[in-house]
Amino acid sequence: MKNKYKIAVNSPVVLIFVGICFVVTLLGSLTMGASTGLLFSTYRSSLSNPLTYIRFFTYVFGHSGWQHFIGNASYLLVIGPMLEEKYGSDTILKIMAITAFVTALINYIFFPSIALCGASGIVFAFILLASFTGFRAGEIPLTFILVAILYIGQQIYEGIVLVDNISNMAHIVGGVVGAILGYKLNRK
């Protein structure tokens, strides 16, 4: 008897998200970044411009290049399915939207000269959210403490010491959102 295997779509929200990111990164490559700057980056622009509000959510699909995309997609594809299975597709979609919005809003208010693109904030939210998988009432998982120290600590250090084109703020905010939502979702 032969076993027949089929490909299973085990994480539809994460797979669709990564697929959209791929298409948007390809479009960005084909337009030499013009589409990314117009639709898939968030930055200080007029509040009377409807694209300002759209970009508060669409910037997570844009990436500065293939290396940026592959780095984020790899983390999303490793961590995302586990989280989507545990919390459900609707909750994961809400977590992604909340992380995108909060990060964009903080960037808009406090960093007017910086444009953001990419799903790094969502990646960090997922990393800290994943550290809550073994949470029990009255306990703080040691894995959460270590992950928070390592990932958030690294971002604070790099934000102070390094001058690069990476938004450590987006990573930190994403991690904080993931930690808060992880606590709230697992508190019951």
Protein backbone atom coordinates (compact mmCIF):
# COMPACT_ATOMS: atom_id res chain seq x y z
CA MET A 1 0.00 0.00 0.00
CA LYS A 2 1.40 3.35 -1.05
CA ASN A 3 1.04 6.35 1.14
CA LYS A 4 -0.06 9.40 -0.76
CA TYR A 5 0.90 12.72 0.64
CA LYS A 6 -0.73 15.98 -0.15
CA ILE A 7 0.31 19.50 0.63
CA ALA A 8 -1.70 20.94 3.51
CA VAL A 9 -2.38 24.63 4.00
CA ASN A 10 -1.66 24.65 7.71
CA SER A 11 -1.51 28.39 8.31
CA PRO A 12 -3.63 30.35 5.82
CA VAL A 13 -3.18 33.83 7.30
CA VAL A 14 0.61 33.53 7.57
CA LEU A 15 0.91 31.93 4.12
CA ILE A 16 -1.24 34.59 2.47
CA PHE A 17 0.63 37.34 4.30
CA VAL A 18 4.03 36.01 3.16
CA GLY A 19 2.64 35.58 -0.36
CA ILE A 20 1.50 39.21 -0.46
CA CYS A 21 4.90 40.30 0.87
CA PHE A 22 6.57 38.32 -1.93
CA VAL A 23 4.42 39.95 -4.63
CA VAL A 24 4.93 43.43 -3.15
CA THR A 25 8.71 42.89 -2.90
CA LEU A 26 8.76 41.72 -6.52
CA LEU A 27 6.73 44.79 -7.53
CA GLY A 28 9.15 46.97 -5.58
CA SER A 29 12.07 45.42 -7.46
CA LEU A 30 10.35 45.93 -10.82
CA THR A 31 9.50 49.59 -10.05
CA MET A 32 12.90 50.30 -8.47
CA GLY A 33 11.24 51.03 -5.15
CA ALA A 34 8.59 53.46 -6.43
CA SER A 35 5.65 51.23 -5.47
CA THR A 36 7.19 50.54 -2.06
CA GLY A 37 7.59 54.24 -1.37
CA LEU A 38 4.09 55.11 -2.53
CA LEU A 39 2.01 52.30 -1.03
CA PHE A 40 4.14 50.02 1.14
CA SER A 41 6.05 52.35 3.47
CA THR A 42 4.70 54.48 6.28
CA TYR A 43 6.04 57.93 6.97
CA ARG A 44 4.87 61.37 8.03
CA SER A 45 2.52 62.67 5.38
CA SER A 46 -0.57 64.86 5.39
CA LEU A 47 -3.50 63.56 7.42
CA SER A 48 -5.74 64.78 4.60
CA ASN A 49 -4.12 62.24 2.28
CA PRO A 50 -6.13 58.96 2.40
CA LEU A 51 -2.95 57.00 1.59
CA THR A 52 -1.52 58.03 4.97
CA TYR A 53 -4.10 55.83 6.71
CA ILE A 54 -3.80 52.98 4.22
CA ARG A 55 -0.01 52.93 4.61
CA PHE A 56 -0.46 52.53 8.41
CA PHE A 57 -1.31 48.92 7.54
CA THR A 58 0.22 48.22 4.09
CA TYR A 59 3.81 49.10 5.01
CA VAL A 60 4.21 45.64 6.55
CA PHE A 61 3.99 44.10 3.06
CA GLY A 62 6.82 46.20 1.63
CA HIS A 63 10.46 45.25 2.08
CA SER A 64 13.63 47.09 1.17
CA GLY A 65 14.90 44.13 -0.84
CA TRP A 66 15.04 40.36 -1.12
CA GLN A 67 17.34 39.86 1.87
CA HIS A 68 14.96 41.87 4.08
CA PHE A 69 11.97 39.88 2.77
CA ILE A 70 13.66 36.48 3.18
CA GLY A 71 14.73 37.27 6.75
CA ASN A 72 11.21 38.26 7.81
CA ALA A 73 9.47 35.54 5.79
CA SER A 74 11.70 32.87 7.35
CA TYR A 75 10.75 33.87 10.89
CA LEU A 76 7.08 34.23 9.98
CA LEU A 77 6.98 30.79 8.37
CA VAL A 78 8.71 29.14 11.33
CA ILE A 79 6.82 30.81 14.18
CA GLY A 80 3.54 31.81 12.53
CA PRO A 81 1.97 28.38 11.92
CA MET A 82 2.43 27.37 15.55
CA LEU A 83 0.80 30.59 16.72
CA GLU A 84 -2.00 30.40 14.16
CA GLU A 85 -2.76 26.83 15.26
CA LYS A 86 -2.81 27.85 18.93
CA TYR A 87 -4.74 31.12 18.67
CA GLY A 88 -6.67 30.76 15.40
CA SER A 89 -6.50 32.62 12.11
CA ASP A 90 -8.76 35.51 13.20
CA THR A 91 -6.68 36.23 16.29
CA ILE A 92 -3.39 36.08 14.37
CA LEU A 93 -4.79 38.48 11.77
CA LYS A 94 -5.85 40.87 14.55
CA ILE A 95 -2.42 40.64 16.19
CA MET A 96 -0.77 41.48 12.88
CA ALA A 97 -3.10 44.45 12.29
CA ILE A 98 -2.70 45.79 15.84
CA THR A 99 1.09 45.50 15.63
CA ALA A 100 1.16 47.25 12.24
CA PHE A 101 -1.07 50.09 13.40
CA VAL A 102 0.60 50.71 16.77
CA THR A 103 4.08 50.67 15.24
CA ALA A 104 3.04 53.00 12.38
CA LEU A 105 1.33 55.40 14.77
CA ILE A 106 4.37 55.61 17.07
CA ASN A 107 6.62 56.11 14.06
CA TYR A 108 4.30 58.83 12.69
CA ILE A 109 4.18 60.74 15.97
CA PHE A 110 7.73 60.39 17.29
CA PHE A 111 9.90 59.78 14.22
CA PRO A 112 8.63 62.14 11.51
CA SER A 113 11.71 61.84 9.31
CA ILE A 114 11.82 58.02 9.24
CA ALA A 115 10.01 55.82 6.75
CA LEU A 116 9.19 52.25 7.77
CA CYS A 117 8.63 49.21 5.62
CA GLY A 118 8.64 45.52 6.35
CA ALA A 119 7.14 42.97 8.71
CA SER A 120 9.88 43.09 11.36
CA GLY A 121 7.52 44.44 14.01
CA ILE A 122 5.17 41.52 13.38
CA VAL A 123 8.11 39.12 13.56
CA PHE A 124 9.07 40.49 16.98
CA ALA A 125 5.45 40.38 18.13
CA PHE A 126 5.34 36.71 17.11
CA ILE A 127 8.64 35.94 18.85
CA LEU A 128 7.45 37.34 22.18
CA LEU A 129 3.96 35.90 21.71
CA ALA A 130 5.50 32.45 21.16
CA SER A 131 7.37 32.69 24.44
CA PHE A 132 3.97 32.74 26.20
CA THR A 133 2.86 29.35 24.88
CA GLY A 134 3.53 27.64 28.21
CA PHE A 135 2.02 30.40 30.34
CA ARG A 136 0.02 29.42 33.43
CA ALA A 137 -1.87 31.69 35.81
CA GLY A 138 0.38 33.14 38.48
CA GLU A 139 3.57 32.35 36.57
CA ILE A 140 5.83 34.24 34.20
CA PRO A 141 7.59 31.85 31.84
CA LEU A 142 11.38 31.97 32.10
CA THR A 143 11.46 31.65 28.30
CA PHE A 144 9.54 34.93 28.05
CA ILE A 145 12.00 36.69 30.37
CA LEU A 146 14.99 35.40 28.42
CA VAL A 147 13.47 36.19 25.03
CA ALA A 148 12.52 39.68 26.19
CA ILE A 149 16.01 40.32 27.52
CA LEU A 150 17.76 38.93 24.46
CA TYR A 151 15.58 40.33 21.68
CA ILE A 152 14.46 43.63 23.17
CA GLY A 153 17.82 44.20 24.86
CA GLN A 154 19.61 43.64 21.57
CA GLN A 155 17.33 46.16 19.82
CA ILE A 156 17.90 48.80 22.50
CA TYR A 157 21.66 48.23 22.32
CA GLU A 158 21.72 48.34 18.52
CA GLY A 159 19.49 51.42 18.46
CA ILE A 160 21.98 53.27 20.65
CA VAL A 161 25.28 51.95 19.27
CA LEU A 162 24.71 51.19 15.59
CA VAL A 163 23.90 53.59 12.79
CA ASP A 164 22.11 51.53 10.18
CA ASN A 165 18.91 51.50 8.18
CA ILE A 166 17.06 49.23 10.62
CA SER A 167 14.19 50.54 12.72
CA ASN A 168 14.91 49.17 16.16
CA MET A 169 11.83 51.07 17.35
CA ALA A 170 9.61 48.87 15.17
CA HIS A 171 11.22 45.77 16.63
CA ILE A 172 10.81 46.99 20.20
CA VAL A 173 7.20 48.10 19.70
CA GLY A 174 6.36 44.82 17.95
CA GLY A 175 7.89 42.89 20.83
CA VAL A 176 5.97 44.91 23.41
CA VAL A 177 2.70 44.38 21.51
CA GLY A 178 3.42 40.64 21.28
CA ALA A 179 4.21 40.48 25.00
CA ILE A 180 1.06 42.35 26.02
CA LEU A 181 -1.19 40.32 23.73
CA GLY A 182 0.54 37.09 24.74
CA TYR A 183 -0.14 37.85 28.38
CA LYS A 184 -3.77 38.77 27.73
CA LEU A 185 -4.46 35.76 25.51
CA ASN A 186 -2.88 33.28 27.89
CA ARG A 187 -4.03 34.72 31.20
CA LYS A 188 -7.23 32.65 31.25
